[in-house]
C-alpha atoms as a PDB file:
ATOM      1  CA  MET A   1     -88.786 -20.644  34.703  1.00  0.00           C
ATOM      2  CA  GLY A   2     -91.515 -23.247  34.157  1.00  0.00           C
ATOM      3  CA  ARG A   3     -93.077 -24.321  30.898  1.00  0.00           C
ATOM      4  CA  PHE A   4     -96.187 -22.261  31.457  1.00  0.00           C
ATOM      5  CA  GLU A   5     -94.166 -19.123  32.215  1.00  0.00           C
ATOM      6  CA  ALA A   6     -92.077 -19.658  29.053  1.00  0.00           C
ATOM      7  CA  ILE A   7     -95.227 -19.758  26.920  1.00  0.00           C
ATOM      8  CA  LEU A   8     -96.514 -16.539  28.480  1.00  0.00           C
ATOM      9  CA  GLY A   9     -93.133 -14.802  27.997  1.00  0.00           C
ATOM     10  CA  PRO A  10     -92.403 -12.614  24.943  1.00  0.00           C
ATOM     11  CA  ALA A  11     -90.691 -15.407  22.948  1.00  0.00           C
ATOM     12  CA  GLY A  12     -93.495 -17.842  23.710  1.00  0.00           C
ATOM     13  CA  ILE A  13     -96.207 -15.427  22.596  1.00  0.00           C
ATOM     14  CA  VAL A  14     -94.360 -14.746  19.318  1.00  0.00           C
ATOM     15  CA  LEU A  15     -93.949 -18.497  18.707  1.00  0.00           C
ATOM     16  CA  VAL A  16     -97.638 -19.204  19.360  1.00  0.00           C
ATOM     17  CA  CYS A  17     -98.659 -16.324  17.040  1.00  0.00           C
ATOM     18  CA  VAL A  18     -96.407 -17.630  14.245  1.00  0.00           C
ATOM     19  CA  LEU A  19     -97.842 -21.141  14.585  1.00  0.00           C
ATOM     20  CA  LEU A  20    -101.423 -19.859  14.599  1.00  0.00           C
ATOM     21  CA  LEU A  21    -100.767 -17.638  11.573  1.00  0.00           C
ATOM     22  CA  GLY A  22     -99.209 -20.545   9.661  1.00  0.00           C
ATOM     23  CA  GLY A  23    -102.187 -22.776  10.445  1.00  0.00           C
ATOM     24  CA  LEU A  24    -104.612 -20.074   9.395  1.00  0.00           C
ATOM     25  CA  ILE A  25    -102.804 -19.531   6.082  1.00  0.00           C
ATOM     26  CA  ARG A  26    -102.759 -23.286   5.398  1.00  0.00           C
ATOM     27  CA  LEU A  27    -106.468 -23.498   6.195  1.00  0.00           C
ATOM     28  CA  VAL A  28    -107.411 -20.571   3.936  1.00  0.00           C
ATOM     29  CA  VAL A  29    -105.119 -21.359   0.995  1.00  0.00           C
ATOM     30  CA  GLY A  30    -105.325 -25.144   1.235  1.00  0.00           C
ATOM     31  CA  GLY A  31    -102.131 -27.138   1.151  1.00  0.00           C
ATOM     32  CA  PRO A  32    -100.866 -29.377  -1.619  1.00  0.00           C
ATOM     33  CA  ARG A  33    -102.358 -32.413   0.113  1.00  0.00           C
ATOM     34  CA  ARG A  34    -105.856 -30.943  -0.075  1.00  0.00           C
ATOM     35  CA  ARG A  35    -105.460 -30.035  -3.779  1.00  0.00           C
ATOM     36  CA  ARG A  36    -104.029 -33.472  -4.594  1.00  0.00           C
ATOM     37  CA  LYS A  37    -106.961 -35.180  -2.872  1.00  0.00           C
ATOM     38  CA  ALA A  38    -109.413 -32.977  -4.766  1.00  0.00           C
ATOM     39  CA  GLU A  39    -107.732 -33.744  -8.105  1.00  0.00           C
ATOM     40  CA  THR A  40    -107.710 -37.469  -7.361  1.00  0.00           C
ATOM     41  CA  ALA A  41    -111.356 -37.417  -6.318  1.00  0.00           C
ATOM     42  CA  SER A  42    -112.418 -35.732  -9.561  1.00  0.00           C
ATOM     43  CA  LEU A  43    -110.429 -38.275 -11.575  1.00  0.00           C
ATOM     44  CA  ASP A  44    -111.971 -41.144  -9.642  1.00  0.00           C
ATOM     45  CA  ARG A  45    -115.413 -39.864 -10.622  1.00  0.00           C
ATOM     46  CA  GLU A  46    -114.393 -39.610 -14.271  1.00  0.00           C
ATOM     47  CA  PHE A  47    -112.642 -42.986 -14.614  1.00  0.00           C
ATOM     48  CA  GLU A  48    -114.829 -45.035 -12.280  1.00  0.00           C
ATOM     49  CA  GLU A  49    -118.361 -44.279 -13.319  1.00  0.00           C
ATOM     50  CA  GLU A  50    -120.757 -46.178 -11.148  1.00  0.00           C
ATOM     51  CA  ASP A  51    -123.144 -48.677 -12.630  1.00  0.00           C
ATOM     52  CA  SER A  52    -126.705 -49.206 -11.454  1.00  0.00           C
ATOM     53  CA  GLU A  53    -125.574 -51.379  -8.532  1.00  0.00           C
ATOM     54  CA  GLY A  54    -123.189 -48.697  -7.211  1.00  0.00           C
ATOM     55  CA  LYS A  55    -120.010 -50.639  -7.990  1.00  0.00           C
ATOM     56  CA  ALA A  56    -117.087 -49.067  -9.864  1.00  0.00           C
ATOM     57  CA  THR A  57    -116.632 -50.307 -13.408  1.00  0.00           C
ATOM     58  CA  LEU A  58    -113.381 -51.852 -14.540  1.00  0.00           C
ATOM     59  CA  PRO A  59    -111.097 -50.317 -17.175  1.00  0.00           C
ATOM     60  CA  THR A  60    -112.294 -50.903 -20.735  1.00  0.00           C
ATOM     61  CA  ASP A  61    -110.909 -53.778 -22.816  1.00  0.00           C
ATOM     62  CA  TYR A  62    -109.745 -52.924 -26.331  1.00  0.00           C
ATOM     63  CA  LEU A  63    -109.058 -55.318 -29.185  1.00  0.00           C
ATOM     64  CA  ASP A  64    -105.496 -54.058 -29.690  1.00  0.00           C
ATOM     65  CA  PHE A  65    -103.173 -51.138 -28.952  1.00  0.00           C
ATOM     66  CA  ALA A  66    -104.188 -49.159 -32.064  1.00  0.00           C
ATOM     67  CA  THR A  67    -107.854 -49.368 -31.081  1.00  0.00           C
ATOM     68  CA  LEU A  68    -107.015 -48.211 -27.553  1.00  0.00           C
ATOM     69  CA  LEU A  69    -105.194 -45.156 -28.929  1.00  0.00           C
ATOM     70  CA  ASP A  70    -107.977 -44.360 -31.370  1.00  0.00           C
ATOM     71  CA  ARG A  71    -110.953 -44.835 -29.042  1.00  0.00           C
ATOM     72  CA  MET A  72    -109.569 -43.837 -25.651  1.00  0.00           C
ATOM     73  CA  VAL A  73    -106.366 -41.769 -25.848  1.00  0.00           C
ATOM     74  CA  LEU A  74    -107.270 -39.427 -28.730  1.00  0.00           C
ATOM     75  CA  PRO A  75    -110.690 -38.430 -27.308  1.00  0.00           C
ATOM     76  CA  LEU A  76    -109.117 -38.024 -23.877  1.00  0.00           C
ATOM     77  CA  ALA A  77    -106.390 -35.747 -25.296  1.00  0.00           C
ATOM     78  CA  GLN A  78    -109.006 -33.634 -27.069  1.00  0.00           C
ATOM     79  CA  ALA A  79    -111.160 -33.371 -23.953  1.00  0.00           C
ATOM     80  CA  HIS A  80    -108.227 -32.535 -21.638  1.00  0.00           C
ATOM     81  CA  PRO A  81    -105.404 -30.889 -23.621  1.00  0.00           C
ATOM     82  CA  GLY A  82    -103.573 -29.746 -20.476  1.00  0.00           C
ATOM     83  CA  TRP A  83    -103.147 -33.187 -18.934  1.00  0.00           C
ATOM     84  CA  GLU A  84     -99.611 -34.561 -18.752  1.00  0.00           C
ATOM     85  CA  ARG A  85    -100.686 -38.052 -17.719  1.00  0.00           C
ATOM     86  CA  LEU A  86    -103.527 -40.142 -19.097  1.00  0.00           C
ATOM     87  CA  ASP A  87    -105.305 -40.081 -15.737  1.00  0.00           C
ATOM     88  CA  GLY A  88    -104.759 -36.339 -15.282  1.00  0.00           C
ATOM     89  CA  ALA A  89    -103.335 -36.828 -11.795  1.00  0.00           C
ATOM     90  CA  TYR A  90    -100.114 -35.415 -10.401  1.00  0.00           C
ATOM     91  CA  GLY A  91     -97.748 -37.027  -7.911  1.00  0.00           C
ATOM     92  CA  VAL A  92     -99.852 -40.093  -7.177  1.00  0.00           C
ATOM     93  CA  PRO A  93     -99.404 -43.690  -8.320  1.00  0.00           C
ATOM     94  CA  GLY A  94    -101.454 -44.613 -11.339  1.00  0.00           C
ATOM     95  CA  ARG A  95    -103.690 -47.589 -11.866  1.00  0.00           C
ATOM     96  CA  PRO A  96    -104.706 -49.396 -15.048  1.00  0.00           C
ATOM     97  CA  ILE A  97    -107.076 -47.287 -17.127  1.00  0.00           C
ATOM     98  CA  ALA A  98    -107.450 -49.597 -20.141  1.00  0.00           C
ATOM     99  CA  TRP A  99    -106.668 -53.149 -21.240  1.00  0.00           C
ATOM    100  CA  PHE A 100    -105.581 -54.364 -24.672  1.00  0.00           C
ATOM    101  CA  ASP A 101    -104.408 -57.565 -26.337  1.00  0.00           C
ATOM    102  CA  TRP A 102    -100.909 -57.897 -27.799  1.00  0.00           C
ATOM    103  CA  ASN A 103     -99.687 -61.196 -29.294  1.00  0.00           C
ATOM    104  CA  GLY A 104    -102.209 -63.201 -27.290  1.00  0.00           C
ATOM    105  CA  THR A 105    -101.388 -61.573 -23.952  1.00  0.00           C
ATOM    106  CA  ARG A 106    -103.556 -59.083 -22.075  1.00  0.00           C
ATOM    107  CA  TYR A 107    -101.793 -55.854 -21.114  1.00  0.00           C
ATOM    108  CA  ALA A 108    -102.846 -52.846 -19.053  1.00  0.00           C
ATOM    109  CA  LEU A 109    -102.014 -49.243 -19.865  1.00  0.00           C
ATOM    110  CA  GLY A 110    -101.263 -47.394 -16.643  1.00  0.00           C
ATOM    111  CA  GLY A 111    -102.756 -44.014 -15.814  1.00  0.00           C
ATOM    112  CA  GLU A 112     -99.318 -42.514 -15.160  1.00  0.00           C
ATOM    113  CA  THR A 113     -98.407 -42.970 -18.838  1.00  0.00           C
ATOM    114  CA  HIS A 114     -97.697 -39.607 -20.455  1.00  0.00           C
ATOM    115  CA  MET A 115    -100.264 -38.297 -22.900  1.00  0.00           C
ATOM    116  CA  ARG A 116     -97.580 -36.923 -25.268  1.00  0.00           C
ATOM    117  CA  ALA A 117     -95.941 -40.351 -25.540  1.00  0.00           C
ATOM    118  CA  MET A 118     -99.206 -41.909 -26.675  1.00  0.00           C
ATOM    119  CA  LEU A 119     -99.942 -39.068 -29.109  1.00  0.00           C
ATOM    120  CA  GLN A 120     -96.431 -39.333 -30.533  1.00  0.00           C
ATOM    121  CA  THR A 121     -96.968 -43.088 -30.920  1.00  0.00           C
ATOM    122  CA  TRP A 122    -100.275 -42.513 -32.710  1.00  0.00           C
ATOM    123  CA  ASP A 123     -98.590 -40.052 -35.116  1.00  0.00           C
ATOM    124  CA  TRP A 124     -95.803 -42.577 -35.775  1.00  0.00           C
ATOM    125  CA  MET A 125     -98.374 -45.299 -36.466  1.00  0.00           C
ATOM    126  CA  GLN A 126    -100.075 -43.055 -39.044  1.00  0.00           C
ATOM    127  CA  GLN A 127     -96.740 -42.634 -40.856  1.00  0.00           C
ATOM    128  CA  HIS A 128     -95.863 -46.371 -40.608  1.00  0.00           C
ATOM    129  CA  PRO A 129     -99.074 -48.314 -41.207  1.00  0.00           C
ATOM    130  CA  GLY A 130     -98.878 -52.005 -40.410  1.00  0.00           C
ATOM    131  CA  VAL A 131     -95.755 -51.689 -38.231  1.00  0.00           C
ATOM    132  CA  ASP A 132     -96.223 -52.635 -34.578  1.00  0.00           C
ATOM    133  CA  PRO A 133     -95.270 -49.718 -32.271  1.00  0.00           C
ATOM    134  CA  LEU A 134     -94.661 -52.050 -29.316  1.00  0.00           C
ATOM    135  CA  VAL A 135     -91.610 -54.207 -28.649  1.00  0.00           C
ATOM    136  CA  VAL A 136     -90.370 -56.349 -25.782  1.00  0.00           C
ATOM    137  CA  GLN A 137     -87.499 -54.715 -23.937  1.00  0.00           C
ATOM    138  CA  HIS A 138     -85.431 -57.290 -22.076  1.00  0.00           C
ATOM    139  CA  THR A 139     -84.541 -56.575 -18.462  1.00  0.00           C
ATOM    140  CA  ARG A 140     -81.692 -57.733 -16.227  1.00  0.00           C
ATOM    141  CA  SER A 141     -83.845 -60.437 -14.681  1.00  0.00           C
ATOM    142  CA  GLY A 142     -84.463 -61.909 -18.121  1.00  0.00           C
ATOM    143  CA  ALA A 143     -88.149 -61.061 -18.156  1.00  0.00           C
ATOM    144  CA  GLY A 144     -89.288 -58.778 -20.898  1.00  0.00           C
ATOM    145  CA  ARG A 145     -91.202 -55.542 -20.541  1.00  0.00           C
ATOM    146  CA  LEU A 146     -93.507 -54.192 -23.219  1.00  0.00           C
ATOM    147  CA  THR A 147     -92.505 -50.706 -24.340  1.00  0.00           C
ATOM    148  CA  LEU A 148     -92.543 -48.380 -27.325  1.00  0.00           C
ATOM    149  CA  ARG A 149     -90.379 -49.044 -30.373  1.00  0.00           C
ATOM    150  CA  PRO A 150     -87.178 -46.892 -30.247  1.00  0.00           C
ATOM    151  CA  GLU A 151     -87.899 -45.486 -33.730  1.00  0.00           C
ATOM    152  CA  ILE A 152     -90.883 -43.617 -32.296  1.00  0.00           C
ATOM    153  CA  GLY A 153     -88.396 -41.327 -30.563  1.00  0.00           C
ATOM    154  CA  TRP A 154     -89.813 -41.367 -27.039  1.00  0.00           C
ATOM    155  CA  LYS A 155     -86.760 -41.534 -24.761  1.00  0.00           C
ATOM    156  CA  ASP A 156     -88.311 -41.664 -21.268  1.00  0.00           C
ATOM    157  CA  ALA A 157     -89.164 -45.328 -20.703  1.00  0.00           C
ATOM    158  CA  LYS A 158     -90.632 -44.564 -17.251  1.00  0.00           C
ATOM    159  CA  ALA A 159     -93.247 -42.302 -18.842  1.00  0.00           C
ATOM    160  CA  VAL A 160     -94.918 -45.284 -20.509  1.00  0.00           C
ATOM    161  CA  ARG A 161     -96.461 -47.864 -18.175  1.00  0.00           C
ATOM    162  CA  ILE A 162     -97.607 -51.079 -19.832  1.00  0.00           C
ATOM    163  CA  GLU A 163     -97.999 -54.156 -17.631  1.00  0.00           C
ATOM    164  CA  THR A 164     -99.273 -57.667 -18.115  1.00  0.00           C
ATOM    165  CA  GLY A 165    -102.721 -58.366 -16.776  1.00  0.00           C
END
């Protein structure tokens, strides 16, 4: 039996129908890839507003971490209460969404940082005025990484992305 005859046989016809039906369902419903691209595209429009020359603007610089929370994170949380991450995306790598100064060094807050972690930090800062919520966490390589103070109570260190800029 040749390849062509196998396709025209009963098993071949059933296989072709199953493949066509699966493709049709994926086309009508839209797969996760299509939804993820749509979500990312809407976030790109929100976080990269174009200026008059058509170029994307850079993330905003804030004087310090408290100012960043007050002027960027709190309004963002009020505008999008259902977002888990600061950039609202799901399953994609984040990029810096804001810059701030800490002890003379410029740091970036990553979009994949969890909204709840920042809100919990803001609440902690209101209860402990004048106490810095950020500390340097030493790593195996000896380099330090900026993270939240343990007293804040946020356990998932990977949910907070702060990098040097």
